[in-house]
Protein backbone atom coordinates (compact mmCIF):
# COMPACT_ATOMS: atom_id res chain seq x y z
CA MET A 1 -248.73 -80.58 -98.71
CA LEU A 2 -247.58 -84.16 -99.36
CA ARG A 3 -245.80 -85.42 -96.26
CA THR A 4 -244.61 -89.03 -96.06
CA THR A 5 -242.03 -88.85 -93.27
CA GLY A 6 -243.35 -90.59 -90.18
CA ALA A 7 -246.21 -93.02 -89.80
CA GLU A 8 -248.90 -90.43 -89.01
CA ASN A 9 -247.95 -88.16 -91.90
CA PHE A 10 -247.93 -91.12 -94.28
CA ARG A 11 -251.41 -92.18 -93.14
CA ARG A 12 -252.71 -88.65 -93.58
CA THR A 13 -251.18 -88.25 -97.05
CA LEU A 14 -252.43 -91.66 -98.17
CA ALA A 15 -255.95 -90.91 -96.93
CA GLY A 16 -256.00 -87.47 -98.51
CA LEU A 17 -254.83 -88.73 -101.90
CA CYS A 18 -257.30 -91.62 -101.80
CA LEU A 19 -260.17 -89.29 -100.89
CA ILE A 20 -259.45 -87.43 -104.12
CA GLY A 21 -258.33 -90.40 -106.24
CA ALA A 22 -261.12 -92.87 -105.39
CA PRO A 23 -264.07 -90.76 -106.61
CA LEU A 24 -261.99 -89.49 -109.55
CA VAL A 25 -261.30 -93.06 -110.73
CA LEU A 26 -264.99 -93.89 -110.20
CA LEU A 27 -266.01 -90.90 -112.32
CA VAL A 28 -263.69 -91.98 -115.14
CA ALA A 29 -265.08 -95.53 -114.85
CA MET A 30 -268.66 -94.37 -115.21
CA ILE A 31 -267.80 -92.16 -118.17
CA VAL A 32 -266.12 -95.13 -119.87
CA HIS A 33 -268.95 -97.49 -118.93
CA GLY A 34 -271.72 -95.28 -120.24
CA GLY A 35 -274.43 -97.52 -118.81
CA GLY A 36 -276.42 -100.16 -120.63
CA GLY A 37 -278.41 -97.61 -122.59
CA ASP A 38 -281.54 -98.54 -124.51
CA ALA A 39 -279.81 -101.60 -125.99
CA GLY A 40 -279.45 -103.28 -122.61
CA LEU A 41 -276.39 -104.40 -120.68
CA VAL A 42 -275.88 -107.74 -122.46
CA LYS A 43 -276.07 -106.23 -125.94
CA THR A 44 -273.67 -103.48 -124.89
CA MET A 45 -271.28 -106.18 -123.67
CA ALA A 46 -271.39 -107.86 -127.06
CA GLU A 47 -270.87 -104.60 -128.93
CA SER A 48 -268.27 -102.94 -126.67
CA PRO A 49 -266.56 -105.63 -124.55
CA GLY A 50 -263.27 -103.78 -124.16
CA ARG A 51 -264.95 -100.60 -122.92
CA LEU A 52 -267.05 -102.40 -120.32
CA GLN A 53 -264.15 -104.50 -119.12
CA ALA A 54 -261.98 -101.41 -118.63
CA ALA A 55 -264.82 -99.60 -116.85
CA ASN A 56 -265.47 -102.44 -114.41
CA LEU A 57 -261.77 -102.87 -113.64
CA LEU A 58 -261.63 -99.14 -112.85
CA ILE A 59 -264.68 -99.51 -110.59
CA MET A 60 -262.92 -102.30 -108.68
CA PHE A 61 -259.77 -100.17 -108.40
CA SER A 62 -261.81 -97.25 -107.05
CA SER A 63 -263.34 -99.57 -104.44
CA VAL A 64 -259.83 -100.47 -103.25
CA LEU A 65 -258.95 -96.77 -102.95
CA PHE A 66 -262.14 -96.00 -101.05
CA VAL A 67 -261.14 -98.20 -98.09
CA PRO A 68 -258.13 -96.13 -96.90
CA ALA A 69 -260.02 -93.00 -97.95
CA LEU A 70 -263.00 -93.73 -95.71
CA VAL A 71 -260.86 -94.91 -92.78
CA GLY A 72 -258.61 -91.84 -93.07
CA LEU A 73 -261.66 -89.58 -93.22
CA LEU A 74 -262.28 -90.36 -89.56
CA GLY A 75 -259.12 -88.38 -88.74
CA LEU A 76 -261.02 -85.21 -89.63
CA VAL A 77 -264.02 -85.89 -87.38
CA ARG A 78 -263.70 -84.72 -83.80
CA GLY A 79 -266.18 -83.89 -81.08
CA ARG A 80 -269.74 -83.90 -82.39
CA GLY A 81 -270.40 -86.31 -85.21
CA VAL A 82 -267.84 -88.94 -84.22
CA VAL A 83 -270.42 -91.67 -83.64
CA LEU A 84 -272.27 -90.89 -86.87
CA ALA A 85 -269.05 -90.85 -88.87
CA HIS A 86 -267.81 -94.18 -87.49
CA ILE A 87 -271.14 -95.90 -88.17
CA GLY A 88 -271.24 -94.35 -91.63
CA VAL A 89 -267.71 -95.42 -92.55
CA ALA A 90 -268.38 -99.00 -91.43
CA LEU A 91 -271.55 -99.17 -93.52
CA ALA A 92 -269.99 -97.40 -96.50
CA ILE A 93 -267.11 -99.89 -96.62
CA VAL A 94 -269.70 -102.68 -96.91
CA GLY A 95 -271.28 -100.76 -99.77
CA VAL A 96 -267.92 -100.24 -101.46
CA MET A 97 -267.28 -103.98 -101.28
CA GLY A 98 -270.64 -104.53 -102.96
CA HIS A 99 -269.71 -102.12 -105.74
CA ALA A 100 -266.56 -104.15 -106.41
CA VAL A 101 -268.55 -107.41 -106.35
CA TRP A 102 -271.05 -106.03 -108.88
CA ALA A 103 -268.21 -104.93 -111.16
CA GLY A 104 -266.65 -108.39 -110.91
CA PHE A 105 -270.03 -109.97 -111.69
CA GLN A 106 -270.26 -107.89 -114.86
CA ILE A 107 -266.78 -109.06 -115.90
CA VAL A 108 -267.93 -112.68 -115.46
CA LEU A 109 -271.04 -112.00 -117.54
CA LEU A 110 -268.85 -110.35 -120.16
CA GLY A 111 -266.72 -113.49 -120.40
CA LEU A 112 -269.81 -115.64 -120.87
CA VAL A 113 -271.15 -113.36 -123.60
CA GLN A 114 -267.81 -113.30 -125.44
CA SER A 115 -267.40 -117.08 -125.22
CA GLY A 116 -270.78 -117.71 -126.78
CA ALA A 117 -271.44 -120.36 -124.13
CA VAL A 118 -274.85 -118.88 -123.37
CA ASN A 119 -277.56 -117.31 -125.48
CA SER A 120 -277.29 -113.52 -125.25
CA ALA A 121 -281.04 -113.01 -125.62
CA ARG A 122 -281.76 -115.50 -122.83
CA MET A 123 -279.18 -113.89 -120.55
CA SER A 124 -280.67 -110.46 -121.21
CA GLU A 125 -284.09 -111.79 -120.19
CA LEU A 126 -282.67 -113.22 -116.97
CA ILE A 127 -280.96 -109.94 -116.04
CA SER A 128 -284.00 -107.81 -116.82
CA GLY A 129 -286.26 -110.29 -115.04
CA GLY A 130 -284.76 -109.56 -111.64
CA PRO A 131 -282.69 -111.42 -109.02
CA PRO A 132 -282.46 -115.21 -109.47
CA ASN A 133 -282.93 -116.18 -105.81
CA ALA A 134 -283.53 -114.89 -102.28
CA GLY A 135 -279.86 -115.16 -101.31
CA PHE A 136 -278.88 -112.83 -104.12
CA VAL A 137 -281.51 -110.33 -102.96
CA ILE A 138 -280.25 -110.43 -99.37
CA VAL A 139 -276.64 -109.88 -100.41
CA MET A 140 -277.48 -107.01 -102.76
CA LEU A 141 -279.73 -105.37 -100.15
CA ALA A 142 -276.90 -105.53 -97.60
CA PHE A 143 -274.54 -103.81 -100.02
CA MET A 144 -277.12 -101.21 -101.08
CA ILE A 145 -278.16 -100.41 -97.51
CA GLY A 146 -274.50 -100.10 -96.57
CA PHE A 147 -273.87 -97.69 -99.43
CA PHE A 148 -276.95 -95.51 -99.03
CA LEU A 149 -277.13 -95.35 -95.24
CA GLY A 150 -273.35 -95.24 -94.93
CA LEU A 151 -272.97 -92.09 -97.00
CA LEU A 152 -275.88 -90.45 -95.20
CA PHE A 153 -274.25 -91.13 -91.82
CA VAL A 154 -270.85 -90.00 -93.08
CA ALA A 155 -272.34 -86.74 -94.36
CA GLY A 156 -274.12 -86.22 -91.05
CA GLY A 157 -270.94 -86.84 -89.06
CA LEU A 158 -268.93 -84.42 -91.21
CA TRP A 159 -271.63 -81.77 -90.94
CA ARG A 160 -272.02 -82.05 -87.15
CA SER A 161 -268.28 -81.93 -86.57
CA GLY A 162 -267.72 -79.04 -88.98
CA ALA A 163 -264.81 -80.99 -90.46
CA VAL A 164 -265.60 -79.89 -94.01
CA PRO A 165 -267.61 -77.03 -95.54
CA VAL A 166 -271.37 -77.52 -95.40
CA TRP A 167 -271.59 -77.73 -99.21
CA ALA A 168 -269.12 -80.66 -99.21
CA ALA A 169 -271.22 -82.59 -96.66
CA VAL A 170 -274.36 -81.84 -98.70
CA CYS A 171 -272.71 -83.24 -101.84
CA ILE A 172 -271.89 -86.49 -100.04
CA PHE A 173 -275.44 -86.60 -98.65
CA LEU A 174 -276.90 -86.29 -102.17
CA VAL A 175 -274.76 -89.05 -103.73
CA PRO A 176 -277.16 -91.93 -102.85
CA PHE A 177 -280.14 -90.05 -104.29
CA ALA A 178 -278.38 -89.36 -107.60
CA ASP A 179 -279.04 -92.97 -108.67
CA PHE A 180 -282.78 -92.28 -108.66
CA VAL A 181 -282.58 -89.32 -111.05
CA PRO A 182 -284.00 -90.43 -114.42
CA GLY A 183 -281.88 -89.88 -117.50
CA GLY A 184 -279.20 -91.32 -119.71
CA ALA A 185 -275.44 -91.56 -119.59
CA ILE A 186 -274.99 -87.94 -118.53
CA VAL A 187 -277.14 -88.41 -115.42
CA SER A 188 -275.27 -91.63 -114.54
CA ILE A 189 -272.14 -89.61 -113.74
CA LEU A 190 -273.99 -87.19 -111.43
CA GLY A 191 -273.32 -89.35 -108.36
CA PRO A 192 -269.57 -89.69 -109.02
CA ILE A 193 -269.33 -85.93 -109.63
CA LEU A 194 -271.00 -85.16 -106.30
CA CYS A 195 -268.78 -87.79 -104.68
CA LEU A 196 -265.66 -86.18 -106.12
CA ILE A 197 -266.68 -82.71 -104.92
CA GLY A 198 -267.54 -83.82 -101.39
CA PHE A 199 -264.75 -86.30 -100.72
CA GLY A 200 -262.28 -84.21 -102.72
CA ALA A 201 -262.87 -81.28 -100.35
CA ALA A 202 -262.23 -83.59 -97.39
CA GLY A 203 -259.05 -84.88 -99.05
CA LEU A 204 -257.72 -81.36 -99.63
CA LYS A 205 -258.52 -80.52 -96.01
CA LEU A 206 -256.49 -83.52 -94.83
CA LEU A 207 -253.53 -82.72 -97.07
CA SER A 208 -253.42 -79.05 -96.08
CA MET A 209 -253.91 -79.61 -92.35
CA PRO A 210 -250.96 -78.36 -90.24
CA ASP A 211 -248.89 -81.03 -88.52
CA ALA A 212 -249.74 -79.70 -85.07
CA GLU A 213 -253.48 -79.86 -85.71
CA TRP A 214 -253.26 -83.40 -87.10
CA SER A 215 -251.09 -84.62 -84.20
CA GLN A 216 -253.41 -83.01 -81.67
CA GLY A 217 -256.38 -84.81 -83.16
CA GLN A 218 -254.60 -88.17 -83.11
CA THR A 219 -253.49 -87.85 -79.49
CA SER A 220 -256.52 -86.11 -77.97
CA SER A 221 -258.48 -89.32 -77.40
CA ALA A 222 -255.53 -91.09 -75.83
CA GLY A 223 -254.88 -88.04 -73.65
CA GLU A 224 -258.44 -87.94 -72.41
CA VAL A 225 -258.27 -91.61 -71.48
CA GLY A 226 -255.01 -91.04 -69.65
CA VAL A 227 -256.35 -88.10 -67.66
CA GLY A 228 -259.48 -89.98 -66.76
CA ALA A 229 -257.45 -92.95 -65.55
CA ARG A 230 -255.31 -90.92 -63.11
CA PRO A 231 -256.13 -91.57 -59.46
CA ARG A 232 -257.34 -88.52 -57.60
CA VAL A 233 -255.16 -87.30 -54.75
CA GLN A 234 -257.19 -86.78 -51.62
C-alpha cells in the first residue's frame, strides 16, 4: 500500500498519508483545545496555557499537512468534476492558511496573557467585542470564504467524478456547516470528525489504487494534448 519508489508513487503515498493525517491531527488538536467554554478564551488561556499552546501548534501542523493532501486529492478527480475540484482546492488552501494564522494569533494572545503585559479582562472585552478594524474583517472573510466555499466545491468535484463513495463526499460537504451547530466541546469536534471520515476515505483510495490506474490518470491529460496536437494527414 505504501509505495515510495519513483516520483509518482512518492507523491501518491505522501498525499494519501496526509489526507488521513491532516484531519486526524486537527481532531486531536480540537480535543486538546476544548474551546473557550463559558469562561471565555482569555480566561481559559490563563488557566490552561499549556493545553491551548499545544492545541494551536497541532492546528498549525495540520494546516501544513493539508496542503499536500489537498493538492494530491486532485489525482483522484478525473472527467466530470475536475473544474469544481481545482477551484475548491485553491480556495480550501486559502482557508487552511487562515486556520494556521488564527492558531498563531491565539499563541500570540497567550504570550500576552502569560506575560501580564495587558489586562486580561480588557483583552477579553476586546475579543468578545468583535474585529478591531476593517482590514481584519476583510482578511478573516477571505479565509472563511476560502474554507467554506472551498470544501463545498471539493465535495462537489469528488461527487461528480465518482472518485470517492457518495457518503465520503457528503461528509466533506457537511464540514463547513458543523461550525454552526450549537453546543459545547463535544460539538466542536464534529467538523474534524466529518473531515477525517471524508478525507480519510479519499486517502485510503489513493493508497490502495493500483499503479496502472494511477499512472493512467497522470498521463491521460498529457496524452490527450499530444493526440490533439498531431497534424492530420490528408
